[in-house]
Amino acid sequence: MKVLALTRYGRLGASSRMRTYQYVPLWQAMGIDVQVSPLLRDDYIKRLYAKQATNWFAVINDYLMQVLRLLSARKYDLLWIEKELLPNLPAWFEQALGACNIRYVVDYDDAIFHNYDINRHPAKRLLADKIDKVMRNSALVVCGNAYLAERAHTAGSRHVEIVPTVVDLDRYAVVKSKIRPVLIIGWIGSPSTVKYLDVVLPALKIVAAEFPLQLRVIGAQFASPGLDVECRSWSEESEASEIQDFDVGIMPLIDSPWERGKCGYKLIQYMACCRPVVASPVGVNREIVTDGINGYLASTVDEWTHAFRTLYSDLQNRLVMGEHGRRSVEEKYCLQVTAPRLVQLFHEAAI
């Protein structure tokens, strides 16, 4: 079976890396001949995170290359499309694929439809139903959580499946928590999502006056007067070892439509490393975190501070919660479970 995977980014893009690239070796081992072609080059991501001006000449060239790739679509049994073919343009090409009976699977791990339907920009609002059309013309919609799947059903998609964003267990070894006087509260993410740390900042400042702690930030810059914050660079090679040096992993969020579409990937990373988690009860976080078992759900300053106090004072509790989290990842949130399922879905979608 031949599949053309049309990702949004190269390996630097988290969604592309987790939802496509990490699967390729296993898919190929299971008889799927996969060719991966990213829409936007890594330079786009580098400029985005460095807050540099977009190279529009390169973007236009990338869009033209995407159109040229589609001319060879009939060579493949199936197209695997990350979100949409050409962002900010109408769904012409997805509709053309449907009209030509070229079967494609479209994959979502974010509420990308909200880039259009609740966007204040008039041009984007004109595309409010674009993603609905993309979903409706697909042979299969793969969604990272129930919020995204509900939209696909509403759009009239003929086949919708939920497949969470997962880790490769072989990359996430279990390393015992260190016994130390300071509590390392860790967060991993990107410059575009570091803003969510403001949600937990009041609680961190309260407990920092009660016991020694450090906020460890991987992948972005963050600072707050009076709080010990250490920021470290992210790399694909070091992310697991960085998390293994956390005592607790956190995922604060605001409760809004975009955040309800998130897939909780950082929680799964923490849990894969046997670390307890504390998260805002938004979207899929409610499913990943079993409150009091593998971590805590916290929506108020009091709930965040209670979670941090409890985890600081009880090392054994941290260890037990970490073990529960790892077990959950092994059962539901790992590549070893989801890769065979996706291969089966590919075969069903290609018929």
Protein backbone atom coordinates (compact mmCIF):
# COMPACT_ATOMS: atom_id res chain seq x y z
CA MET A 1 0.00 0.00 0.00
CA LYS A 2 1.38 3.43 -0.98
CA VAL A 3 0.59 6.50 1.13
CA LEU A 4 1.56 10.13 0.48
CA ALA A 5 1.75 11.99 3.79
CA LEU A 6 1.26 15.72 3.29
CA THR A 7 2.33 17.28 6.59
CA ARG A 8 2.14 20.94 7.54
CA TYR A 9 5.81 21.10 8.66
CA GLY A 10 9.00 19.08 8.83
CA ARG A 11 10.21 17.44 12.06
CA LEU A 12 10.56 20.84 13.79
CA GLY A 13 6.78 21.16 13.83
CA ALA A 14 5.45 19.32 16.87
CA SER A 15 2.15 18.29 15.27
CA SER A 16 3.87 16.94 12.16
CA ARG A 17 6.53 15.15 14.19
CA MET A 18 4.10 13.48 16.58
CA ARG A 19 1.19 12.75 14.25
CA THR A 20 3.22 11.58 11.24
CA TYR A 21 7.02 11.42 11.33
CA GLN A 22 7.34 9.26 14.44
CA TYR A 23 4.99 6.70 12.87
CA VAL A 24 6.84 6.27 9.59
CA PRO A 25 9.31 3.53 10.64
CA LEU A 26 6.55 1.41 12.19
CA TRP A 27 4.17 1.97 9.28
CA GLN A 28 6.85 0.89 6.84
CA ALA A 29 7.61 -2.19 8.96
CA MET A 30 3.91 -3.06 8.70
CA GLY A 31 3.87 -2.89 4.92
CA ILE A 32 2.87 0.74 4.31
CA ASP A 33 5.11 2.50 1.77
CA VAL A 34 5.03 6.09 3.06
CA GLN A 35 6.41 9.18 1.38
CA VAL A 36 6.37 12.29 3.59
CA SER A 37 6.23 15.73 1.96
CA PRO A 38 5.98 18.79 4.25
CA LEU A 39 4.20 21.92 3.04
CA LEU A 40 6.38 24.47 4.88
CA ARG A 41 10.12 24.16 5.35
CA ASP A 42 11.84 24.29 8.74
CA ASP A 43 12.92 27.88 8.10
CA TYR A 44 9.27 28.90 8.50
CA ILE A 45 9.13 27.43 12.04
CA LYS A 46 12.49 28.94 12.99
CA ARG A 47 11.34 32.39 11.90
CA LEU A 48 8.00 31.96 13.68
CA TYR A 49 9.59 31.05 17.03
CA ALA A 50 12.25 33.74 16.69
CA LYS A 51 9.48 36.29 15.92
CA GLN A 52 11.10 37.17 12.60
CA ALA A 53 9.26 38.31 9.48
CA THR A 54 7.79 35.55 7.34
CA ASN A 55 9.62 34.87 4.09
CA TRP A 56 6.56 35.14 1.84
CA PHE A 57 8.51 34.29 -1.30
CA ALA A 58 9.42 30.93 0.28
CA VAL A 59 5.82 30.36 1.42
CA ILE A 60 4.43 31.02 -2.05
CA ASN A 61 7.00 28.64 -3.49
CA ASP A 62 6.02 26.00 -0.92
CA TYR A 63 2.35 26.39 -1.87
CA LEU A 64 3.15 25.92 -5.56
CA MET A 65 5.16 22.79 -4.75
CA GLN A 66 2.17 21.42 -2.83
CA VAL A 67 -0.03 21.87 -5.91
CA LEU A 68 2.55 20.06 -8.05
CA ARG A 69 2.60 17.15 -5.58
CA LEU A 70 -1.15 16.76 -5.97
CA LEU A 71 -0.70 16.12 -9.69
CA SER A 72 0.85 12.77 -8.76
CA ALA A 73 -1.88 11.87 -6.22
CA ARG A 74 -3.20 8.98 -8.33
CA LYS A 75 0.10 7.13 -7.86
CA TYR A 76 -0.91 6.51 -4.24
CA ASP A 77 -3.59 4.40 -2.65
CA LEU A 78 -4.25 7.06 -0.03
CA LEU A 79 -3.27 10.60 0.96
CA TRP A 80 -2.65 11.40 4.63
CA ILE A 81 -3.24 15.14 5.08
CA GLU A 82 -2.36 17.08 8.19
CA LYS A 83 -5.25 19.50 8.82
CA GLU A 84 -5.61 21.02 5.32
CA LEU A 85 -3.69 21.24 2.07
CA LEU A 86 -3.24 25.02 1.77
CA PRO A 87 -3.90 27.12 4.90
CA ASN A 88 -5.89 30.35 4.45
CA LEU A 89 -7.13 29.35 1.00
CA PRO A 90 -10.53 27.79 0.19
CA ALA A 91 -10.94 24.00 0.19
CA TRP A 92 -10.72 23.85 -3.61
CA PHE A 93 -8.06 21.16 -3.74
CA GLU A 94 -9.63 18.89 -1.13
CA GLN A 95 -12.93 19.17 -2.98
CA ALA A 96 -11.17 18.39 -6.26
CA LEU A 97 -9.67 15.26 -4.70
CA GLY A 98 -13.15 14.17 -3.66
CA ALA A 99 -14.57 14.90 -7.11
CA CYS A 100 -11.78 12.83 -8.70
CA ASN A 101 -12.42 9.95 -6.28
CA ILE A 102 -8.90 10.29 -4.82
CA ARG A 103 -9.23 9.05 -1.26
CA TYR A 104 -7.64 10.98 1.57
CA VAL A 105 -7.47 10.84 5.35
CA VAL A 106 -7.30 14.15 7.19
CA ASP A 107 -5.76 14.37 10.67
CA TYR A 108 -6.38 16.93 13.43
CA ASP A 109 -4.70 17.47 16.77
CA ASP A 110 -5.82 21.09 17.15
CA ALA A 111 -9.09 22.94 16.68
CA ILE A 112 -7.76 24.42 13.45
CA PHE A 113 -11.31 25.23 12.34
CA HIS A 114 -11.34 28.00 14.96
CA ASN A 115 -8.63 29.76 12.96
CA TYR A 116 -11.49 30.57 10.61
CA ASP A 117 -14.89 30.43 12.25
CA ILE A 118 -14.10 32.61 15.29
CA ASN A 119 -11.35 34.70 13.73
CA ARG A 120 -11.95 38.45 13.70
CA HIS A 121 -10.17 38.91 10.37
CA PRO A 122 -12.88 39.35 7.68
CA ALA A 123 -10.97 37.33 5.04
CA LYS A 124 -10.61 34.37 7.39
CA ARG A 125 -14.25 34.53 8.45
CA LEU A 126 -15.14 34.00 4.78
CA LEU A 127 -13.56 30.55 5.20
CA ALA A 128 -15.59 29.71 8.33
CA ASP A 129 -16.80 26.41 6.87
CA LYS A 130 -13.57 25.49 5.09
CA ILE A 131 -12.49 22.73 7.48
CA ASP A 132 -16.03 21.33 7.47
CA LYS A 133 -15.70 20.89 3.71
CA VAL A 134 -12.26 19.28 4.10
CA MET A 135 -13.66 16.84 6.64
CA ARG A 136 -16.80 16.09 4.64
CA ASN A 137 -14.87 15.21 1.46
CA SER A 138 -12.44 12.86 3.23
CA ALA A 139 -12.62 9.09 3.41
CA LEU A 140 -11.69 9.29 7.10
CA VAL A 141 -11.14 12.00 9.72
CA VAL A 142 -8.65 11.11 12.46
CA CYS A 143 -8.99 13.30 15.56
CA GLY A 144 -6.84 13.58 18.64
CA ASN A 145 -9.78 14.03 21.01
CA ALA A 146 -13.57 14.04 21.31
CA TYR A 147 -13.92 17.82 20.85
CA LEU A 148 -12.38 17.59 17.39
CA ALA A 149 -14.35 14.44 16.57
CA GLU A 150 -17.62 16.17 17.48
CA ARG A 151 -16.85 18.88 14.91
CA ALA A 152 -16.11 16.23 12.27
CA HIS A 153 -19.44 14.53 12.94
CA THR A 154 -21.26 17.87 12.77
CA ALA A 155 -19.53 18.59 9.45
CA GLY A 156 -21.03 15.41 8.01
CA SER A 157 -17.89 13.29 7.84
CA ARG A 158 -18.64 9.73 6.82
CA HIS A 159 -16.01 8.08 9.06
CA VAL A 160 -14.47 9.60 12.20
CA GLU A 161 -11.97 7.98 14.57
CA ILE A 162 -10.26 9.27 17.71
CA VAL A 163 -6.54 8.51 17.91
CA PRO A 164 -4.69 10.39 20.69
CA THR A 165 -1.31 12.04 20.26
CA VAL A 166 1.16 9.55 21.73
CA VAL A 167 4.80 8.89 22.61
CA ASP A 168 7.20 6.18 21.53
CA LEU A 169 7.81 4.14 24.69
CA ASP A 170 11.28 3.23 23.46
CA ARG A 171 12.30 6.89 23.79
CA TYR A 172 10.87 7.42 27.28
CA ALA A 173 12.67 5.34 29.86
CA VAL A 174 11.47 5.16 33.45
CA VAL A 175 13.91 7.06 35.68
CA LYS A 176 13.33 7.30 39.44
CA SER A 177 12.66 10.72 40.93
CA LYS A 178 15.61 12.26 42.71
CA ILE A 179 15.54 12.87 46.44
CA ARG A 180 16.35 16.56 46.81
CA PRO A 181 15.18 19.51 48.90
CA VAL A 182 13.90 21.53 45.94
CA LEU A 183 10.77 20.63 43.97
CA ILE A 184 11.37 20.90 40.23
CA ILE A 185 8.07 21.83 38.58
CA GLY A 186 8.50 21.35 34.84
CA TRP A 187 6.79 22.58 31.70
CA ILE A 188 7.70 21.75 28.09
CA GLY A 189 6.32 23.56 25.07
CA SER A 190 6.98 26.29 22.53
CA PRO A 191 7.22 30.10 22.48
CA SER A 192 3.63 30.23 21.22
CA THR A 193 2.23 28.35 24.25
CA VAL A 194 4.43 29.62 27.10
CA LYS A 195 1.73 32.27 27.78
CA TYR A 196 -0.28 29.59 29.61
CA LEU A 197 2.22 29.64 32.47
CA ASP A 198 0.58 32.91 33.54
CA VAL A 199 -2.39 30.77 34.67
CA VAL A 200 -0.32 29.01 37.33
CA LEU A 201 1.99 31.89 38.26
CA PRO A 202 0.00 33.11 41.32
CA ALA A 203 0.02 29.61 42.84
CA LEU A 204 3.73 29.16 42.14
CA LYS A 205 4.54 32.42 43.93
CA ILE A 206 2.50 31.40 46.97
CA VAL A 207 4.15 28.00 47.40
CA ALA A 208 7.62 29.39 46.58
CA ALA A 209 7.38 31.32 49.84
CA GLU A 210 6.68 28.06 51.71
CA PHE A 211 9.26 25.63 50.34
CA PRO A 212 12.12 25.60 47.80
CA LEU A 213 10.99 25.11 44.23
CA GLN A 214 12.15 25.81 40.73
CA LEU A 215 10.06 26.25 37.59
CA ARG A 216 11.91 24.48 34.77
CA VAL A 217 10.82 25.69 31.30
CA ILE A 218 11.85 23.68 28.24
CA GLY A 219 11.48 25.22 24.79
CA ALA A 220 10.65 28.84 25.59
CA GLN A 221 11.68 31.88 27.59
CA PHE A 222 9.80 32.81 30.75
CA ALA A 223 10.64 34.95 33.76
CA SER A 224 8.89 36.27 36.85
CA PRO A 225 10.42 38.41 39.62
CA GLY A 226 10.84 36.51 42.87
CA LEU A 227 10.46 33.08 41.27
CA ASP A 228 13.35 30.73 40.52
CA VAL A 229 12.92 29.97 36.82
CA GLU A 230 15.37 28.05 34.66
CA CYS A 231 14.81 28.03 30.91
CA ARG A 232 16.43 25.42 28.70
CA SER A 233 16.49 24.91 24.97
CA TRP A 234 14.39 22.16 23.44
CA SER A 235 15.70 19.44 21.16
CA GLU A 236 14.12 16.22 20.00
CA GLU A 237 17.11 14.29 21.31
CA SER A 238 17.05 15.78 24.83
CA GLU A 239 13.33 16.28 25.56
CA ALA A 240 12.84 12.94 27.33
CA SER A 241 15.92 13.35 29.55
CA GLU A 242 14.84 16.89 30.44
CA ILE A 243 11.44 15.65 31.60
CA GLN A 244 13.09 12.85 33.57
CA ASP A 245 14.72 15.58 35.68
CA PHE A 246 11.32 17.06 36.63
CA ASP A 247 9.57 16.14 39.87
CA VAL A 248 6.17 17.27 38.61
CA GLY A 249 4.92 18.14 35.11
CA ILE A 250 2.30 20.84 34.58
CA MET A 251 -0.12 21.82 31.82
CA PRO A 252 -2.02 25.02 32.67
CA LEU A 253 -4.59 26.24 30.12
CA ILE A 254 -7.34 28.79 29.80
CA ASP A 255 -10.79 27.41 29.04
CA SER A 256 -11.66 28.62 25.55
CA PRO A 257 -12.60 26.96 22.24
CA TRP A 258 -9.04 26.68 20.92
CA GLU A 259 -7.70 25.11 24.12
CA ARG A 260 -10.53 22.56 24.22
CA GLY A 261 -9.10 21.15 21.00
CA LYS A 262 -5.64 20.48 22.42
CA CYS A 263 -4.51 16.87 22.80
CA GLY A 264 -2.58 16.98 26.08
CA TYR A 265 0.66 15.72 24.58
CA LYS A 266 2.91 17.22 27.25
CA LEU A 267 0.91 15.40 29.94
CA ILE A 268 1.54 12.12 28.15
CA GLN A 269 5.25 12.92 27.94
CA TYR A 270 5.40 13.58 31.70
CA MET A 271 3.47 10.42 32.49
CA ALA A 272 5.67 8.33 30.19
CA CYS A 273 8.60 9.40 32.37
CA CYS A 274 6.73 8.33 35.54
CA ARG A 275 6.08 11.88 36.69
CA PRO A 276 2.88 13.03 38.40
CA VAL A 277 1.04 15.83 36.62
CA VAL A 278 -1.05 18.87 37.48
CA ALA A 279 -3.28 20.25 34.75
CA SER A 280 -6.16 22.58 34.07
CA PRO A 281 -9.40 20.60 33.61
CA VAL A 282 -9.84 21.73 30.01
CA GLY A 283 -10.74 19.49 27.09
CA VAL A 284 -8.96 16.15 26.89
CA ASN A 285 -6.96 16.90 30.06
CA ARG A 286 -10.00 15.62 31.97
CA GLU A 287 -9.59 12.22 30.30
CA ILE A 288 -5.81 11.95 30.58
CA VAL A 289 -5.61 12.98 34.25
CA THR A 290 -7.46 10.88 36.81
CA ASP A 291 -7.61 13.33 39.71
CA GLY A 292 -5.80 11.98 42.75
CA ILE A 293 -4.52 8.89 40.89
CA ASN A 294 -1.91 9.96 38.33
CA GLY A 295 -1.98 13.63 39.22
CA TYR A 296 -4.32 16.51 39.96
CA LEU A 297 -6.75 18.69 38.05
CA ALA A 298 -6.62 22.31 39.18
CA SER A 299 -8.77 25.23 38.08
CA THR A 300 -8.26 27.71 40.94
CA VAL A 301 -5.23 29.12 42.74
CA ASP A 302 -6.22 27.14 45.84
CA GLU A 303 -6.37 23.89 43.85
CA TRP A 304 -2.97 24.50 42.23
CA THR A 305 -1.34 25.35 45.56
CA HIS A 306 -2.92 22.32 47.25
CA ALA A 307 -1.55 20.05 44.52
CA PHE A 308 1.96 21.50 44.78
CA ARG A 309 1.99 21.31 48.59
CA THR A 310 0.83 17.70 48.55
CA LEU A 311 3.37 16.62 45.95
CA TYR A 312 6.21 18.40 47.73
CA SER A 313 5.46 16.89 51.11
CA ASP A 314 4.86 13.29 50.00
CA LEU A 315 7.56 11.69 47.83
CA GLN A 316 5.88 8.29 48.01
CA ASN A 317 2.67 9.78 46.64
CA ARG A 318 4.65 11.24 43.74
CA LEU A 319 6.16 7.86 42.97
CA VAL A 320 2.82 6.04 43.06
CA MET A 321 1.14 8.66 40.87
CA GLY A 322 4.02 8.43 38.43
CA GLU A 323 3.61 4.67 38.18
CA HIS A 324 -0.12 5.05 37.49
CA GLY A 325 0.64 7.57 34.78
CA ARG A 326 3.21 5.34 33.09
CA ARG A 327 0.77 2.43 33.12
CA SER A 328 -1.87 4.58 31.43
CA VAL A 329 0.59 5.57 28.71
CA GLU A 330 1.54 1.94 28.11
CA GLU A 331 -2.15 1.00 27.76
CA LYS A 332 -3.50 3.90 25.69
CA TYR A 333 -1.05 6.65 24.79
CA CYS A 334 1.88 5.02 23.02
CA LEU A 335 2.95 4.47 19.44
CA GLN A 336 3.08 0.73 20.00
CA VAL A 337 -0.73 0.73 20.51
CA THR A 338 -1.84 3.34 17.96
CA ALA A 339 0.41 2.51 14.97
CA PRO A 340 -1.25 -0.87 14.20
CA ARG A 341 -4.67 0.73 14.60
CA LEU A 342 -3.83 3.46 12.09
CA VAL A 343 -2.55 0.89 9.60
CA GLN A 344 -5.89 -0.90 9.85
CA LEU A 345 -7.72 2.40 9.34
CA PHE A 346 -5.58 3.13 6.26
CA HIS A 347 -6.66 -0.13 4.67
CA GLU A 348 -10.31 0.55 5.46
CA ALA A 349 -10.13 4.11 4.10
CA ALA A 350 -8.46 3.02 0.84
CA ILE A 351 -11.29 0.67 -0.13
